[in-house]
């Protein structure tokens, strides 16, 4: 099975400037557990989990709590 067969197309994303409070609201509203963090030009800069957000100050920008070194693969990589 390939990643393309299971991946989410057009996922909901946020920017590093989004506040923790705003990101939590998005996660709760859409029933998500993680949000990709994007820079201008659709470049992935990190990912943030609900757990990360719950531990952080609500006024802080997401870029302060996100995981930065995200491992990525192409859509044609094997899921296994």
C-alpha atoms as a PDB file:
ATOM      1  CA  UNK A   1       0.000   0.000   0.000  1.00  0.00           C
ATOM      2  CA  UNK A   2       1.247   3.468  -0.871  1.00  0.00           C
ATOM      3  CA  UNK A   3       1.000   6.673   1.152  1.00  0.00           C
ATOM      4  CA  UNK A   4      -1.151   8.227  -1.593  1.00  0.00           C
ATOM      5  CA  UNK A   5      -3.845   5.652  -0.859  1.00  0.00           C
ATOM      6  CA  UNK A   6      -4.186   6.799   2.778  1.00  0.00           C
ATOM      7  CA  UNK A   7      -3.093  10.437   2.868  1.00  0.00           C
ATOM      8  CA  UNK A   8      -5.305  13.446   3.503  1.00  0.00           C
ATOM      9  CA  UNK A   9      -5.566  15.762   0.526  1.00  0.00           C
ATOM     10  CA  UNK A  10      -5.565  19.503   1.265  1.00  0.00           C
ATOM     11  CA  UNK A  11      -5.048  19.187   5.030  1.00  0.00           C
ATOM     12  CA  UNK A  12      -5.893  22.045   7.374  1.00  0.00           C
ATOM     13  CA  UNK A  13      -2.683  23.959   8.116  1.00  0.00           C
ATOM     14  CA  UNK A  14      -1.570  26.900  10.249  1.00  0.00           C
ATOM     15  CA  UNK A  15       1.404  29.249  10.244  1.00  0.00           C
ATOM     16  CA  UNK A  16       4.071  29.660  12.895  1.00  0.00           C
ATOM     17  CA  UNK A  17       2.511  32.998  13.862  1.00  0.00           C
ATOM     18  CA  UNK A  18      -0.816  31.385  14.775  1.00  0.00           C
ATOM     19  CA  UNK A  19      -1.330  31.566  18.526  1.00  0.00           C
ATOM     20  CA  UNK A  20      -1.581  28.440  20.633  1.00  0.00           C
ATOM     21  CA  UNK A  21      -5.132  29.473  21.542  1.00  0.00           C
ATOM     22  CA  UNK A  22      -6.149  29.775  17.873  1.00  0.00           C
ATOM     23  CA  UNK A  23      -4.550  26.425  17.017  1.00  0.00           C
ATOM     24  CA  UNK A  24      -6.361  24.707  19.899  1.00  0.00           C
ATOM     25  CA  UNK A  25      -9.654  26.167  18.716  1.00  0.00           C
ATOM     26  CA  UNK A  26      -9.009  24.775  15.225  1.00  0.00           C
ATOM     27  CA  UNK A  27      -8.128  21.334  16.587  1.00  0.00           C
ATOM     28  CA  UNK A  28     -11.228  21.212  18.783  1.00  0.00           C
ATOM     29  CA  UNK A  29     -13.576  22.506  16.083  1.00  0.00           C
ATOM     30  CA  UNK A  30     -12.375  20.066  13.420  1.00  0.00           C
ATOM     31  CA  UNK A  31     -11.653  17.158  15.790  1.00  0.00           C
ATOM     32  CA  UNK A  32      -7.990  16.895  14.768  1.00  0.00           C
ATOM     33  CA  UNK A  33      -4.944  15.794  16.776  1.00  0.00           C
ATOM     34  CA  UNK A  34      -2.125  17.450  14.797  1.00  0.00           C
ATOM     35  CA  UNK A  35      -1.682  20.462  12.548  1.00  0.00           C
ATOM     36  CA  UNK A  36       1.052  20.969   9.959  1.00  0.00           C
ATOM     37  CA  UNK A  37       2.785  24.340  10.325  1.00  0.00           C
ATOM     38  CA  UNK A  38       3.515  26.044   7.015  1.00  0.00           C
ATOM     39  CA  UNK A  39       5.641  29.009   5.954  1.00  0.00           C
ATOM     40  CA  UNK A  40       4.995  31.228   2.970  1.00  0.00           C
ATOM     41  CA  UNK A  41       5.247  29.366  -0.285  1.00  0.00           C
ATOM     42  CA  UNK A  42       3.691  26.225   1.188  1.00  0.00           C
ATOM     43  CA  UNK A  43       6.888  25.065   2.863  1.00  0.00           C
ATOM     44  CA  UNK A  44       6.423  22.699   5.800  1.00  0.00           C
ATOM     45  CA  UNK A  45       8.272  24.118   8.801  1.00  0.00           C
ATOM     46  CA  UNK A  46       6.916  21.889  11.547  1.00  0.00           C
ATOM     47  CA  UNK A  47       4.013  20.063  13.126  1.00  0.00           C
ATOM     48  CA  UNK A  48       2.182  20.686  16.366  1.00  0.00           C
ATOM     49  CA  UNK A  49       0.087  18.240  18.358  1.00  0.00           C
ATOM     50  CA  UNK A  50      -2.839  18.862  20.636  1.00  0.00           C
ATOM     51  CA  UNK A  51      -0.661  17.691  23.521  1.00  0.00           C
ATOM     52  CA  UNK A  52       2.019  20.293  22.655  1.00  0.00           C
ATOM     53  CA  UNK A  53      -0.618  23.011  22.583  1.00  0.00           C
ATOM     54  CA  UNK A  54      -2.229  22.033  25.871  1.00  0.00           C
ATOM     55  CA  UNK A  55       1.138  22.394  27.625  1.00  0.00           C
ATOM     56  CA  UNK A  56       1.885  25.839  26.151  1.00  0.00           C
ATOM     57  CA  UNK A  57       0.939  29.427  26.977  1.00  0.00           C
ATOM     58  CA  UNK A  58      -2.189  30.366  25.004  1.00  0.00           C
ATOM     59  CA  UNK A  59      -0.741  33.667  23.769  1.00  0.00           C
ATOM     60  CA  UNK A  60       2.499  32.122  22.476  1.00  0.00           C
ATOM     61  CA  UNK A  61       2.987  31.615  18.739  1.00  0.00           C
ATOM     62  CA  UNK A  62       2.894  28.009  17.572  1.00  0.00           C
ATOM     63  CA  UNK A  63       6.473  28.304  16.248  1.00  0.00           C
ATOM     64  CA  UNK A  64       7.674  28.239  19.879  1.00  0.00           C
ATOM     65  CA  UNK A  65       6.133  24.825  20.628  1.00  0.00           C
ATOM     66  CA  UNK A  66       6.082  22.991  17.285  1.00  0.00           C
ATOM     67  CA  UNK A  67       8.309  20.081  16.358  1.00  0.00           C
ATOM     68  CA  UNK A  68      10.682  21.374  13.691  1.00  0.00           C
ATOM     69  CA  UNK A  69      12.563  18.401  12.261  1.00  0.00           C
ATOM     70  CA  UNK A  70       9.655  16.646  10.609  1.00  0.00           C
ATOM     71  CA  UNK A  71      10.443  13.547   8.588  1.00  0.00           C
ATOM     72  CA  UNK A  72       8.570  13.513   5.290  1.00  0.00           C
ATOM     73  CA  UNK A  73       8.170  11.051   2.428  1.00  0.00           C
ATOM     74  CA  UNK A  74       6.712  11.242  -1.061  1.00  0.00           C
ATOM     75  CA  UNK A  75       3.178  10.138  -1.756  1.00  0.00           C
ATOM     76  CA  UNK A  76       4.549   7.105  -3.600  1.00  0.00           C
ATOM     77  CA  UNK A  77       6.482   5.690  -0.630  1.00  0.00           C
ATOM     78  CA  UNK A  78       5.298   2.387   0.782  1.00  0.00           C
ATOM     79  CA  UNK A  79       3.142   2.773   3.876  1.00  0.00           C
ATOM     80  CA  UNK A  80       4.850  -0.177   5.494  1.00  0.00           C
END
